[in-house]
């Protein structure tokens, strides 16, 4: 990334529990937050209407939610300490 990209699209380190899924979702979440920030600034500056900003954010949120579901984020994982049932 260039200095300009670093300025326009800042990224923070991920400090949570590392899994590839969590890392991908974190990157998507940071991108979502950045885009929401731009849309809010554009609406505040009169470049787009409040309704247009809302619709854009709603669409992006649905995409983020779909990504979360596809990555399996938030699903309970099987407890490794639970005894397995014997198979017949």
PDB file of N, CA and C in Angstrom:
ATOM      1  N   UNK A   1       0.835  -1.192   0.000  1.00  0.00           N
ATOM      2  CA  UNK A   1       0.000   0.000   0.000  1.00  0.00           C
ATOM      3  C   UNK A   1       0.873   1.247   0.000  1.00  0.00           C
ATOM      4  N   UNK A   2       0.383   2.253  -0.656  1.00  0.00           N
ATOM      5  CA  UNK A   2       1.107   3.515  -0.680  1.00  0.00           C
ATOM      6  C   UNK A   2       0.753   4.328   0.563  1.00  0.00           C
ATOM      7  N   UNK A   3       1.479   5.407   0.760  1.00  0.00           N
ATOM      8  CA  UNK A   3       1.195   6.279   1.907  1.00  0.00           C
ATOM      9  C   UNK A   3      -0.229   6.821   1.829  1.00  0.00           C
ATOM     10  N   UNK A   4      -0.671   7.149   0.624  1.00  0.00           N
ATOM     11  CA  UNK A   4      -2.026   7.668   0.447  1.00  0.00           C
ATOM     12  C   UNK A   4      -3.055   6.621   0.871  1.00  0.00           C
ATOM     13  N   UNK A   5      -2.853   5.371   0.443  1.00  0.00           N
ATOM     14  CA  UNK A   5      -3.771   4.303   0.822  1.00  0.00           C
ATOM     15  C   UNK A   5      -3.753   4.063   2.326  1.00  0.00           C
ATOM     16  N   UNK A   6      -2.571   4.151   2.926  1.00  0.00           N
ATOM     17  CA  UNK A   6      -2.477   4.000   4.379  1.00  0.00           C
ATOM     18  C   UNK A   6      -3.278   5.079   5.090  1.00  0.00           C
ATOM     19  N   UNK A   7      -3.258   6.279   4.519  1.00  0.00           N
ATOM     20  CA  UNK A   7      -3.997   7.389   5.117  1.00  0.00           C
ATOM     21  C   UNK A   7      -5.503   7.222   4.906  1.00  0.00           C
ATOM     22  N   UNK A   8      -5.901   6.891   3.683  1.00  0.00           N
ATOM     23  CA  UNK A   8      -7.324   6.787   3.372  1.00  0.00           C
ATOM     24  C   UNK A   8      -7.979   5.527   3.922  1.00  0.00           C
ATOM     25  N   UNK A   9      -7.229   4.458   4.006  1.00  0.00           N
ATOM     26  CA  UNK A   9      -7.778   3.171   4.450  1.00  0.00           C
ATOM     27  C   UNK A   9      -6.918   2.596   5.573  1.00  0.00           C
ATOM     28  N   UNK A  10      -6.928   3.236   6.736  1.00  0.00           N
ATOM     29  CA  UNK A  10      -6.079   2.739   7.826  1.00  0.00           C
ATOM     30  C   UNK A  10      -6.547   1.366   8.316  1.00  0.00           C
ATOM     31  N   UNK A  11      -5.606   0.564   8.728  1.00  0.00           N
ATOM     32  CA  UNK A  11      -5.892  -0.765   9.275  1.00  0.00           C
ATOM     33  C   UNK A  11      -5.273  -0.860  10.657  1.00  0.00           C
ATOM     34  N   UNK A  12      -6.005  -1.473  11.557  1.00  0.00           N
ATOM     35  CA  UNK A  12      -5.493  -1.701  12.898  1.00  0.00           C
ATOM     36  C   UNK A  12      -5.130  -3.169  13.045  1.00  0.00           C
ATOM     37  N   UNK A  13      -4.224  -3.447  13.957  1.00  0.00           N
ATOM     38  CA  UNK A  13      -3.854  -4.837  14.224  1.00  0.00           C
ATOM     39  C   UNK A  13      -5.029  -5.567  14.836  1.00  0.00           C
ATOM     40  N   UNK A  14      -5.043  -6.874  14.672  1.00  0.00           N
ATOM     41  CA  UNK A  14      -6.084  -7.720  15.253  1.00  0.00           C
ATOM     42  C   UNK A  14      -5.526  -8.374  16.497  1.00  0.00           C
ATOM     43  N   UNK A  15      -6.174  -8.150  17.636  1.00  0.00           N
ATOM     44  CA  UNK A  15      -5.700  -8.682  18.907  1.00  0.00           C
ATOM     45  C   UNK A  15      -6.559  -9.815  19.450  1.00  0.00           C
ATOM     46  N   UNK A  16      -7.604 -10.191  18.746  1.00  0.00           N
ATOM     47  CA  UNK A  16      -8.510 -11.235  19.219  1.00  0.00           C
ATOM     48  C   UNK A  16      -7.926 -12.624  19.031  1.00  0.00           C
ATOM     49  N   UNK A  17      -8.768 -13.613  19.304  1.00  0.00           N
ATOM     50  CA  UNK A  17      -8.365 -15.011  19.133  1.00  0.00           C
ATOM     51  C   UNK A  17      -8.101 -15.255  17.655  1.00  0.00           C
ATOM     52  N   UNK A  18      -6.896 -15.747  17.339  1.00  0.00           N
ATOM     53  CA  UNK A  18      -6.533 -15.895  15.937  1.00  0.00           C
ATOM     54  C   UNK A  18      -7.130 -17.150  15.331  1.00  0.00           C
ATOM     55  N   UNK A  19      -7.912 -16.945  14.321  1.00  0.00           N
ATOM     56  CA  UNK A  19      -8.321 -17.976  13.373  1.00  0.00           C
ATOM     57  C   UNK A  19      -8.377 -17.259  12.025  1.00  0.00           C
ATOM     58  N   UNK A  20      -8.192 -17.974  10.943  1.00  0.00           N
ATOM     59  CA  UNK A  20      -8.282 -17.303   9.644  1.00  0.00           C
ATOM     60  C   UNK A  20      -9.633 -16.611   9.444  1.00  0.00           C
ATOM     61  N   UNK A  21     -10.702 -17.247   9.946  1.00  0.00           N
ATOM     62  CA  UNK A  21     -12.034 -16.670   9.803  1.00  0.00           C
ATOM     63  C   UNK A  21     -12.147 -15.348  10.564  1.00  0.00           C
ATOM     64  N   UNK A  22     -11.637 -15.319  11.803  1.00  0.00           N
ATOM     65  CA  UNK A  22     -11.693 -14.097  12.598  1.00  0.00           C
ATOM     66  C   UNK A  22     -10.890 -12.975  11.950  1.00  0.00           C
ATOM     67  N   UNK A  23      -9.747 -13.323  11.388  1.00  0.00           N
ATOM     68  CA  UNK A  23      -8.896 -12.328  10.742  1.00  0.00           C
ATOM     69  C   UNK A  23      -9.587 -11.726   9.512  1.00  0.00           C
ATOM     70  N   UNK A  24     -10.216 -12.575   8.703  1.00  0.00           N
ATOM     71  CA  UNK A  24     -10.930 -12.105   7.513  1.00  0.00           C
ATOM     72  C   UNK A  24     -12.107 -11.230   7.929  1.00  0.00           C
ATOM     73  N   UNK A  25     -12.859 -11.674   8.934  1.00  0.00           N
ATOM     74  CA  UNK A  25     -14.012 -10.888   9.367  1.00  0.00           C
ATOM     75  C   UNK A  25     -13.570  -9.543   9.928  1.00  0.00           C
ATOM     76  N   UNK A  26     -12.471  -9.524  10.666  1.00  0.00           N
ATOM     77  CA  UNK A  26     -11.971  -8.270  11.222  1.00  0.00           C
ATOM     78  C   UNK A  26     -11.613  -7.293  10.105  1.00  0.00           C
ATOM     79  N   UNK A  27     -10.982  -7.795   9.059  1.00  0.00           N
ATOM     80  CA  UNK A  27     -10.634  -6.933   7.923  1.00  0.00           C
ATOM     81  C   UNK A  27     -11.902  -6.386   7.262  1.00  0.00           C
ATOM     82  N   UNK A  28     -12.908  -7.236   7.109  1.00  0.00           N
ATOM     83  CA  UNK A  28     -14.175  -6.798   6.522  1.00  0.00           C
ATOM     84  C   UNK A  28     -14.869  -5.777   7.423  1.00  0.00           C
ATOM     85  N   UNK A  29     -14.803  -5.993   8.723  1.00  0.00           N
ATOM     86  CA  UNK A  29     -15.419  -5.071   9.674  1.00  0.00           C
ATOM     87  C   UNK A  29     -14.737  -3.703   9.643  1.00  0.00           C
ATOM     88  N   UNK A  30     -13.411  -3.698   9.551  1.00  0.00           N
ATOM     89  CA  UNK A  30     -12.690  -2.432   9.467  1.00  0.00           C
ATOM     90  C   UNK A  30     -13.034  -1.689   8.174  1.00  0.00           C
ATOM     91  N   UNK A  31     -13.155  -2.424   7.081  1.00  0.00           N
ATOM     92  CA  UNK A  31     -13.528  -1.801   5.809  1.00  0.00           C
ATOM     93  C   UNK A  31     -14.938  -1.221   5.890  1.00  0.00           C
ATOM     94  N   UNK A  32     -15.853  -1.960   6.509  1.00  0.00           N
ATOM     95  CA  UNK A  32     -17.224  -1.482   6.701  1.00  0.00           C
ATOM     96  C   UNK A  32     -17.224  -0.177   7.501  1.00  0.00           C
ATOM     97  N   UNK A  33     -16.486  -0.151   8.596  1.00  0.00           N
ATOM     98  CA  UNK A  33     -16.434   1.039   9.446  1.00  0.00           C
ATOM     99  C   UNK A  33     -15.886   2.244   8.685  1.00  0.00           C
ATOM    100  N   UNK A  34     -14.872   2.008   7.878  1.00  0.00           N
ATOM    101  CA  UNK A  34     -14.279   3.105   7.097  1.00  0.00           C
ATOM    102  C   UNK A  34     -15.273   3.657   6.083  1.00  0.00           C
ATOM    103  N   UNK A  35     -15.982   2.772   5.408  1.00  0.00           N
ATOM    104  CA  UNK A  35     -16.963   3.209   4.414  1.00  0.00           C
ATOM    105  C   UNK A  35     -18.126   3.953   5.072  1.00  0.00           C
ATOM    106  N   UNK A  36     -18.560   3.481   6.244  1.00  0.00           N
ATOM    107  CA  UNK A  36     -19.622   4.169   6.969  1.00  0.00           C
ATOM    108  C   UNK A  36     -19.167   5.578   7.337  1.00  0.00           C
ATOM    109  N   UNK A  37     -17.919   5.702   7.752  1.00  0.00           N
ATOM    110  CA  UNK A  37     -17.371   7.005   8.095  1.00  0.00           C
ATOM    111  C   UNK A  37     -17.402   7.950   6.892  1.00  0.00           C
ATOM    112  N   UNK A  38     -17.016   7.457   5.721  1.00  0.00           N
ATOM    113  CA  UNK A  38     -17.049   8.277   4.513  1.00  0.00           C
ATOM    114  C   UNK A  38     -18.479   8.677   4.151  1.00  0.00           C
ATOM    115  N   UNK A  39     -19.403   7.733   4.240  1.00  0.00           N
ATOM    116  CA  UNK A  39     -20.790   8.036   3.911  1.00  0.00           C
ATOM    117  C   UNK A  39     -21.366   9.080   4.871  1.00  0.00           C
ATOM    118  N   UNK A  40     -21.037   8.971   6.137  1.00  0.00           N
ATOM    119  CA  UNK A  40     -21.507   9.962   7.111  1.00  0.00           C
ATOM    120  C   UNK A  40     -20.941  11.342   6.798  1.00  0.00           C
ATOM    121  N   UNK A  41     -19.682  11.391   6.438  1.00  0.00           N
ATOM    122  CA  UNK A  41     -19.059  12.674   6.089  1.00  0.00           C
ATOM    123  C   UNK A  41     -19.700  13.259   4.834  1.00  0.00           C
ATOM    124  N   UNK A  42     -19.987  12.405   3.854  1.00  0.00           N
ATOM    125  CA  UNK A  42     -20.612  12.887   2.629  1.00  0.00           C
ATOM    126  C   UNK A  42     -22.022  13.414   2.897  1.00  0.00           C
ATOM    127  N   UNK A  43     -22.750  12.739   3.766  1.00  0.00           N
ATOM    128  CA  UNK A  43     -24.101  13.188   4.102  1.00  0.00           C
ATOM    129  C   UNK A  43     -24.049  14.496   4.887  1.00  0.00           C
ATOM    130  N   UNK A  44     -23.129  14.572   5.826  1.00  0.00           N
ATOM    131  CA  UNK A  44     -22.972  15.798   6.611  1.00  0.00           C
ATOM    132  C   UNK A  44     -22.580  16.969   5.728  1.00  0.00           C
ATOM    133  N   UNK A  45     -21.748  16.701   4.732  1.00  0.00           N
ATOM    134  CA  UNK A  45     -21.294  17.748   3.820  1.00  0.00           C
ATOM    135  C   UNK A  45     -22.287  18.074   2.723  1.00  0.00           C
ATOM    136  N   UNK A  46     -23.420  17.384   2.691  1.00  0.00           N
ATOM    137  CA  UNK A  46     -24.443  17.678   1.698  1.00  0.00           C
ATOM    138  C   UNK A  46     -24.206  17.061   0.336  1.00  0.00           C
ATOM    139  N   UNK A  47     -23.256  16.143   0.237  1.00  0.00           N
ATOM    140  CA  UNK A  47     -22.954  15.512  -1.057  1.00  0.00           C
ATOM    141  C   UNK A  47     -23.979  14.440  -1.417  1.00  0.00           C
ATOM    142  N   UNK A  48     -24.545  13.769  -0.399  1.00  0.00           N
ATOM    143  CA  UNK A  48     -25.579  12.756  -0.614  1.00  0.00           C
ATOM    144  C   UNK A  48     -26.688  13.000   0.408  1.00  0.00           C
ATOM    145  N   UNK A  49     -27.869  12.469   0.109  1.00  0.00           N
ATOM    146  CA  UNK A  49     -28.996  12.646   1.034  1.00  0.00           C
ATOM    147  C   UNK A  49     -28.881  11.652   2.191  1.00  0.00           C
ATOM    148  N   UNK A  50     -29.597  11.953   3.254  1.00  0.00           N
ATOM    149  CA  UNK A  50     -29.620  11.055   4.410  1.00  0.00           C
ATOM    150  C   UNK A  50     -30.201   9.700   4.012  1.00  0.00           C
ATOM    151  N   UNK A  51     -31.220   9.723   3.149  1.00  0.00           N
ATOM    152  CA  UNK A  51     -31.843   8.485   2.696  1.00  0.00           C
ATOM    153  C   UNK A  51     -30.862   7.639   1.887  1.00  0.00           C
ATOM    154  N   UNK A  52     -30.088   8.287   1.025  1.00  0.00           N
ATOM    155  CA  UNK A  52     -29.102   7.565   0.223  1.00  0.00           C
ATOM    156  C   UNK A  52     -28.015   6.973   1.112  1.00  0.00           C
ATOM    157  N   UNK A  53     -27.554   7.725   2.097  1.00  0.00           N
ATOM    158  CA  UNK A  53     -26.539   7.221   3.029  1.00  0.00           C
ATOM    159  C   UNK A  53     -27.070   6.022   3.791  1.00  0.00           C
ATOM    160  N   UNK A  54     -28.307   6.135   4.260  1.00  0.00           N
ATOM    161  CA  UNK A  54     -28.924   5.036   5.005  1.00  0.00           C
ATOM    162  C   UNK A  54     -29.012   3.772   4.157  1.00  0.00           C
ATOM    163  N   UNK A  55     -29.457   3.926   2.919  1.00  0.00           N
ATOM    164  CA  UNK A  55     -29.591   2.762   2.034  1.00  0.00           C
ATOM    165  C   UNK A  55     -28.238   2.110   1.770  1.00  0.00           C
ATOM    166  N   UNK A  56     -27.211   2.926   1.551  1.00  0.00           N
ATOM    167  CA  UNK A  56     -25.861   2.384   1.305  1.00  0.00           C
ATOM    168  C   UNK A  56     -25.361   1.613   2.526  1.00  0.00           C
ATOM    169  N   UNK A  57     -25.542   2.200   3.695  1.00  0.00           N
ATOM    170  CA  UNK A  57     -25.075   1.553   4.927  1.00  0.00           C
ATOM    171  C   UNK A  57     -25.847   0.267   5.176  1.00  0.00           C
ATOM    172  N   UNK A  58     -27.137   0.292   4.940  1.00  0.00           N
ATOM    173  CA  UNK A  58     -27.959  -0.901   5.127  1.00  0.00           C
ATOM    174  C   UNK A  58     -27.514  -2.036   4.208  1.00  0.00           C
ATOM    175  N   UNK A  59     -27.223  -1.700   2.949  1.00  0.00           N
ATOM    176  CA  UNK A  59     -26.750  -2.699   1.988  1.00  0.00           C
ATOM    177  C   UNK A  59     -25.398  -3.275   2.424  1.00  0.00           C
ATOM    178  N   UNK A  60     -24.494  -2.390   2.834  1.00  0.00           N
ATOM    179  CA  UNK A  60     -23.168  -2.853   3.276  1.00  0.00           C
ATOM    180  C   UNK A  60     -23.288  -3.722   4.528  1.00  0.00           C
ATOM    181  N   UNK A  61     -24.205  -3.361   5.435  1.00  0.00           N
ATOM    182  CA  UNK A  61     -24.393  -4.146   6.659  1.00  0.00           C
ATOM    183  C   UNK A  61     -24.898  -5.546   6.333  1.00  0.00           C
ATOM    184  N   UNK A  62     -25.820  -5.629   5.390  1.00  0.00           N
ATOM    185  CA  UNK A  62     -26.318  -6.953   4.990  1.00  0.00           C
ATOM    186  C   UNK A  62     -25.190  -7.814   4.432  1.00  0.00           C
ATOM    187  N   UNK A  63     -24.311  -7.213   3.645  1.00  0.00           N
ATOM    188  CA  UNK A  63     -23.170  -7.952   3.092  1.00  0.00           C
ATOM    189  C   UNK A  63     -22.232  -8.400   4.215  1.00  0.00           C
ATOM    190  N   UNK A  64     -21.993  -7.517   5.184  1.00  0.00           N
ATOM    191  CA  UNK A  64     -21.137  -7.873   6.314  1.00  0.00           C
ATOM    192  C   UNK A  64     -21.753  -9.013   7.121  1.00  0.00           C
ATOM    193  N   UNK A  65     -23.056  -8.940   7.322  1.00  0.00           N
ATOM    194  CA  UNK A  65     -23.763  -9.979   8.069  1.00  0.00           C
ATOM    195  C   UNK A  65     -23.676 -11.329   7.340  1.00  0.00           C
ATOM    196  N   UNK A  66     -23.809 -11.287   6.010  1.00  0.00           N
ATOM    197  CA  UNK A  66     -23.709 -12.511   5.205  1.00  0.00           C
ATOM    198  C   UNK A  66     -22.300 -13.098   5.309  1.00  0.00           C
ATOM    199  N   UNK A  67     -21.300 -12.241   5.272  1.00  0.00           N
ATOM    200  CA  UNK A  67     -19.914 -12.691   5.409  1.00  0.00           C
ATOM    201  C   UNK A  67     -19.703 -13.361   6.760  1.00  0.00           C
ATOM    202  N   UNK A  68     -20.237 -12.744   7.810  1.00  0.00           N
ATOM    203  CA  UNK A  68     -20.115 -13.304   9.160  1.00  0.00           C
ATOM    204  C   UNK A  68     -20.733 -14.699   9.219  1.00  0.00           C
ATOM    205  N   UNK A  69     -21.902 -14.839   8.624  1.00  0.00           N
ATOM    206  CA  UNK A  69     -22.582 -16.133   8.626  1.00  0.00           C
ATOM    207  C   UNK A  69     -21.783 -17.169   7.836  1.00  0.00           C
ATOM    208  N   UNK A  70     -21.293 -16.789   6.655  1.00  0.00           N
ATOM    209  CA  UNK A  70     -20.532 -17.715   5.808  1.00  0.00           C
ATOM    210  C   UNK A  70     -19.227 -18.151   6.467  1.00  0.00           C
ATOM    211  N   UNK A  71     -18.612 -17.262   7.261  1.00  0.00           N
ATOM    212  CA  UNK A  71     -17.365 -17.604   7.939  1.00  0.00           C
ATOM    213  C   UNK A  71     -17.600 -18.407   9.223  1.00  0.00           C
ATOM    214  N   UNK A  72     -18.840 -18.458   9.674  1.00  0.00           N
ATOM    215  CA  UNK A  72     -19.161 -19.204  10.890  1.00  0.00           C
ATOM    216  C   UNK A  72     -18.759 -18.472  12.159  1.00  0.00           C
ATOM    217  N   UNK A  73     -18.664 -17.160  12.101  1.00  0.00           N
ATOM    218  CA  UNK A  73     -18.300 -16.370  13.272  1.00  0.00           C
ATOM    219  C   UNK A  73     -19.487 -16.339  14.224  1.00  0.00           C
ATOM    220  N   UNK A  74     -19.228 -16.588  15.515  1.00  0.00           N
ATOM    221  CA  UNK A  74     -20.280 -16.528  16.520  1.00  0.00           C
ATOM    222  C   UNK A  74     -20.975 -17.842  16.770  1.00  0.00           C
ATOM    223  N   UNK A  75     -20.691 -18.848  15.968  1.00  0.00           N
ATOM    224  CA  UNK A  75     -21.286 -20.164  16.203  1.00  0.00           C
ATOM    225  C   UNK A  75     -20.536 -20.837  17.332  1.00  0.00           C
ATOM    226  N   UNK A  76     -21.269 -21.541  18.163  1.00  0.00           N
ATOM    227  CA  UNK A  76     -20.624 -22.277  19.240  1.00  0.00           C
ATOM    228  C   UNK A  76     -19.897 -23.469  18.651  1.00  0.00           C
ATOM    229  N   UNK A  77     -18.661 -23.634  19.090  1.00  0.00           N
ATOM    230  CA  UNK A  77     -17.870 -24.771  18.633  1.00  0.00           C
ATOM    231  C   UNK A  77     -18.103 -25.933  19.598  1.00  0.00           C
ATOM    232  N   UNK A  78     -18.019 -27.164  19.115  1.00  0.00           N
ATOM    233  CA  UNK A  78     -18.217 -28.301  20.011  1.00  0.00           C
ATOM    234  C   UNK A  78     -17.191 -28.268  21.141  1.00  0.00           C
ATOM    235  N   UNK A  79     -17.648 -28.586  22.323  1.00  0.00           N
ATOM    236  CA  UNK A  79     -16.796 -28.583  23.506  1.00  0.00           C
ATOM    237  C   UNK A  79     -15.883 -29.806  23.454  1.00  0.00           C
ATOM    238  N   UNK A  80     -14.571 -29.567  23.422  1.00  0.00           N
ATOM    239  CA  UNK A  80     -13.610 -30.666  23.325  1.00  0.00           C
ATOM    240  C   UNK A  80     -13.536 -31.490  24.607  1.00  0.00           C
ATOM    241  N   UNK A  81     -13.959 -30.924  25.741  1.00  0.00           N
ATOM    242  CA  UNK A  81     -13.855 -31.641  27.000  1.00  0.00           C
ATOM    243  C   UNK A  81     -15.039 -32.548  27.265  1.00  0.00           C
ATOM    244  N   UNK A  82     -16.103 -32.440  26.463  1.00  0.00           N
ATOM    245  CA  UNK A  82     -17.278 -33.286  26.664  1.00  0.00           C
ATOM    246  C   UNK A  82     -16.962 -34.702  26.200  1.00  0.00           C
ATOM    247  N   UNK A  83     -17.367 -35.705  26.987  1.00  0.00           N
ATOM    248  CA  UNK A  83     -17.103 -37.092  26.587  1.00  0.00           C
ATOM    249  C   UNK A  83     -17.924 -37.455  25.347  1.00  0.00           C
ATOM    250  N   UNK A  84     -17.270 -38.231  24.486  1.00  0.00           N
ATOM    251  CA  UNK A  84     -17.956 -38.666  23.280  1.00  0.00           C
ATOM    252  C   UNK A  84     -18.861 -39.826  23.594  1.00  0.00           C
ATOM    253  N   UNK A  85     -19.978 -39.907  22.888  1.00  0.00           N
ATOM    254  CA  UNK A  85     -20.889 -41.011  23.075  1.00  0.00           C
ATOM    255  C   UNK A  85     -20.394 -42.208  22.285  1.00  0.00           C
ATOM    256  N   UNK A  86     -20.498 -43.419  22.884  1.00  0.00           N
ATOM    257  CA  UNK A  86     -20.017 -44.605  22.161  1.00  0.00           C
ATOM    258  C   UNK A  86     -20.856 -44.844  20.907  1.00  0.00           C
ATOM    259  N   UNK A  87     -20.196 -45.268  19.850  1.00  0.00           N
ATOM    260  CA  UNK A  87     -20.873 -45.558  18.596  1.00  0.00           C
ATOM    261  C   UNK A  87     -21.207 -47.032  18.542  1.00  0.00           C
ATOM    262  N   UNK A  88     -22.370 -47.367  18.043  1.00  0.00           N
ATOM    263  CA  UNK A  88     -22.779 -48.774  17.948  1.00  0.00           C
ATOM    264  C   UNK A  88     -22.396 -49.377  16.639  1.00  0.00           C
TER     265      UNK A  88
END
